[in-house]
Amino acid sequence: MPSNVGGIDRILRIVVGLALVAFAFFSTSSYAWLGWIGVVPLLTAALGSCPAYSLIGLNTCPMKKS
């Protein structure tokens, strides 16, 4: 998969992902399971590629396109 997630985008994904997973761990709400959705932005940040970006043709990575 080509990289399509840039630096600022990656940082925001990590912050949002960690916040959601923390909600899953520390919340006493019956909706705490929704926090596990935070794994998705963490994975896309770690891999540097977002399948949704590929589908819509978006690229926030500053690398040259070949």
N, C-alpha and C. Protein backbone atom coordinates (compact mmCIF):
# COMPACT_ATOMS: atom_id res chain seq x y z
N MET A 1 0.84 -1.19 0.00
CA MET A 1 0.00 0.00 0.00
C MET A 1 0.88 1.24 0.00
N PRO A 2 0.61 2.17 -0.87
CA PRO A 2 1.38 3.40 -0.86
C PRO A 2 0.99 4.28 0.33
N SER A 3 1.95 5.04 0.79
CA SER A 3 1.70 5.93 1.93
C SER A 3 0.85 7.11 1.48
N ASN A 4 -0.23 7.38 2.19
CA ASN A 4 -1.09 8.51 1.85
C ASN A 4 -1.51 9.31 3.09
N VAL A 5 -0.83 9.09 4.21
CA VAL A 5 -1.13 9.81 5.45
C VAL A 5 0.09 10.63 5.82
N GLY A 6 -0.08 11.95 5.89
CA GLY A 6 1.01 12.85 6.20
C GLY A 6 1.28 12.98 7.69
N GLY A 7 2.26 13.81 8.04
CA GLY A 7 2.72 13.96 9.42
C GLY A 7 1.67 14.49 10.38
N ILE A 8 1.05 15.61 10.05
CA ILE A 8 0.05 16.20 10.95
C ILE A 8 -1.16 15.28 11.04
N ASP A 9 -1.54 14.71 9.93
CA ASP A 9 -2.66 13.77 9.90
C ASP A 9 -2.36 12.57 10.78
N ARG A 10 -1.14 12.08 10.72
CA ARG A 10 -0.73 10.93 11.52
C ARG A 10 -0.79 11.25 13.01
N ILE A 11 -0.31 12.43 13.39
CA ILE A 11 -0.33 12.84 14.80
C ILE A 11 -1.77 12.95 15.30
N LEU A 12 -2.65 13.54 14.50
CA LEU A 12 -4.05 13.65 14.90
C LEU A 12 -4.71 12.28 15.05
N ARG A 13 -4.37 11.36 14.18
CA ARG A 13 -4.91 10.00 14.27
C ARG A 13 -4.46 9.32 15.55
N ILE A 14 -3.21 9.51 15.93
CA ILE A 14 -2.68 8.92 17.15
C ILE A 14 -3.39 9.49 18.37
N VAL A 15 -3.55 10.81 18.41
CA VAL A 15 -4.20 11.46 19.55
C VAL A 15 -5.65 11.00 19.68
N VAL A 16 -6.39 11.01 18.57
CA VAL A 16 -7.80 10.59 18.60
C VAL A 16 -7.90 9.11 18.96
N GLY A 17 -7.04 8.29 18.38
CA GLY A 17 -7.07 6.85 18.67
C GLY A 17 -6.78 6.56 20.13
N LEU A 18 -5.77 7.21 20.69
CA LEU A 18 -5.45 7.00 22.10
C LEU A 18 -6.57 7.48 23.01
N ALA A 19 -7.20 8.60 22.65
CA ALA A 19 -8.30 9.12 23.46
C ALA A 19 -9.48 8.14 23.45
N LEU A 20 -9.79 7.58 22.30
CA LEU A 20 -10.89 6.63 22.22
C LEU A 20 -10.60 5.34 22.97
N VAL A 21 -9.38 4.83 22.85
CA VAL A 21 -9.03 3.61 23.58
C VAL A 21 -9.00 3.87 25.08
N ALA A 22 -8.54 5.04 25.48
CA ALA A 22 -8.58 5.39 26.91
C ALA A 22 -10.01 5.45 27.42
N PHE A 23 -10.91 5.95 26.60
CA PHE A 23 -12.32 5.97 26.95
C PHE A 23 -12.83 4.55 27.16
N ALA A 24 -12.41 3.63 26.31
CA ALA A 24 -12.84 2.22 26.43
C ALA A 24 -12.33 1.62 27.74
N PHE A 25 -11.11 1.96 28.13
CA PHE A 25 -10.53 1.40 29.34
C PHE A 25 -11.11 2.00 30.62
N PHE A 26 -11.28 3.30 30.65
CA PHE A 26 -11.56 4.00 31.89
C PHE A 26 -13.01 4.41 32.09
N SER A 27 -13.83 4.24 31.09
CA SER A 27 -15.22 4.66 31.21
C SER A 27 -16.06 3.59 31.90
N THR A 28 -17.03 4.05 32.66
CA THR A 28 -17.98 3.13 33.29
C THR A 28 -19.30 3.14 32.52
N SER A 29 -19.33 3.86 31.43
CA SER A 29 -20.53 3.95 30.60
C SER A 29 -20.80 2.62 29.90
N SER A 30 -22.04 2.38 29.58
CA SER A 30 -22.39 1.17 28.83
C SER A 30 -21.93 1.28 27.38
N TYR A 31 -21.52 2.45 26.95
CA TYR A 31 -21.04 2.67 25.59
C TYR A 31 -19.51 2.66 25.52
N ALA A 32 -18.85 2.20 26.53
CA ALA A 32 -17.39 2.19 26.55
C ALA A 32 -16.81 1.33 25.43
N TRP A 33 -17.54 0.34 24.99
CA TRP A 33 -17.06 -0.53 23.91
C TRP A 33 -16.81 0.25 22.62
N LEU A 34 -17.49 1.38 22.46
CA LEU A 34 -17.28 2.21 21.26
C LEU A 34 -15.86 2.78 21.20
N GLY A 35 -15.20 2.85 22.33
CA GLY A 35 -13.84 3.35 22.36
C GLY A 35 -12.86 2.49 21.58
N TRP A 36 -13.21 1.22 21.38
CA TRP A 36 -12.33 0.33 20.63
C TRP A 36 -12.26 0.69 19.16
N ILE A 37 -13.13 1.57 18.72
CA ILE A 37 -13.03 2.09 17.35
C ILE A 37 -11.71 2.86 17.19
N GLY A 38 -11.14 3.31 18.29
CA GLY A 38 -9.87 4.03 18.26
C GLY A 38 -8.71 3.21 17.74
N VAL A 39 -8.87 1.91 17.66
CA VAL A 39 -7.81 1.06 17.11
C VAL A 39 -7.61 1.36 15.62
N VAL A 40 -8.68 1.71 14.93
CA VAL A 40 -8.59 1.98 13.49
C VAL A 40 -7.67 3.16 13.19
N PRO A 41 -7.87 4.34 13.81
CA PRO A 41 -6.93 5.42 13.51
C PRO A 41 -5.50 5.12 13.98
N LEU A 42 -5.35 4.34 15.04
CA LEU A 42 -4.00 3.98 15.47
C LEU A 42 -3.31 3.10 14.43
N LEU A 43 -4.04 2.16 13.87
CA LEU A 43 -3.46 1.29 12.84
C LEU A 43 -3.13 2.07 11.57
N THR A 44 -4.02 2.95 11.15
CA THR A 44 -3.75 3.71 9.93
C THR A 44 -2.58 4.67 10.13
N ALA A 45 -2.42 5.18 11.35
CA ALA A 45 -1.27 6.04 11.63
C ALA A 45 0.02 5.23 11.63
N ALA A 46 -0.03 4.03 12.20
CA ALA A 46 1.15 3.19 12.25
C ALA A 46 1.57 2.71 10.86
N LEU A 47 0.60 2.39 10.03
CA LEU A 47 0.90 1.90 8.69
C LEU A 47 1.19 3.02 7.70
N GLY A 48 0.68 4.22 7.99
CA GLY A 48 0.90 5.35 7.09
C GLY A 48 0.01 5.31 5.86
N SER A 49 -0.99 4.46 5.88
CA SER A 49 -1.88 4.33 4.74
C SER A 49 -3.31 4.18 5.22
N CYS A 50 -4.21 4.91 4.58
CA CYS A 50 -5.62 4.88 4.94
C CYS A 50 -6.43 4.39 3.75
N PRO A 51 -7.11 3.24 3.88
CA PRO A 51 -7.91 2.73 2.77
C PRO A 51 -9.01 3.70 2.32
N ALA A 52 -9.61 4.42 3.24
CA ALA A 52 -10.66 5.38 2.87
C ALA A 52 -10.07 6.50 2.01
N TYR A 53 -8.86 6.96 2.34
CA TYR A 53 -8.21 7.98 1.52
C TYR A 53 -7.96 7.46 0.11
N SER A 54 -7.57 6.19 0.00
CA SER A 54 -7.33 5.60 -1.32
C SER A 54 -8.60 5.58 -2.15
N LEU A 55 -9.73 5.27 -1.51
CA LEU A 55 -11.00 5.20 -2.24
C LEU A 55 -11.42 6.55 -2.80
N ILE A 56 -11.19 7.62 -2.03
CA ILE A 56 -11.64 8.94 -2.49
C ILE A 56 -10.52 9.74 -3.16
N GLY A 57 -9.31 9.17 -3.22
CA GLY A 57 -8.21 9.83 -3.92
C GLY A 57 -7.53 10.93 -3.13
N LEU A 58 -7.63 10.90 -1.83
CA LEU A 58 -7.02 11.91 -0.98
C LEU A 58 -5.62 11.47 -0.58
N ASN A 59 -4.69 12.42 -0.47
CA ASN A 59 -3.32 12.12 -0.08
C ASN A 59 -2.79 13.30 0.71
N THR A 60 -2.45 13.09 1.99
CA THR A 60 -1.91 14.17 2.81
C THR A 60 -0.41 13.99 3.03
N CYS A 61 0.17 12.98 2.40
CA CYS A 61 1.59 12.71 2.52
C CYS A 61 2.37 13.65 1.60
N PRO A 62 3.40 14.31 2.12
CA PRO A 62 4.13 15.27 1.29
C PRO A 62 5.12 14.61 0.31
N MET A 63 5.17 13.27 0.27
CA MET A 63 6.10 12.60 -0.63
C MET A 63 5.70 12.83 -2.09
N LYS A 64 6.70 12.79 -2.97
CA LYS A 64 6.42 12.95 -4.40
C LYS A 64 5.63 11.78 -4.93
N LYS A 65 4.69 12.08 -5.77
CA LYS A 65 3.91 11.03 -6.44
C LYS A 65 4.73 10.52 -7.62
N SER A 66 4.75 9.21 -7.80
CA SER A 66 5.52 8.67 -8.92
C SER A 66 4.64 8.28 -10.08
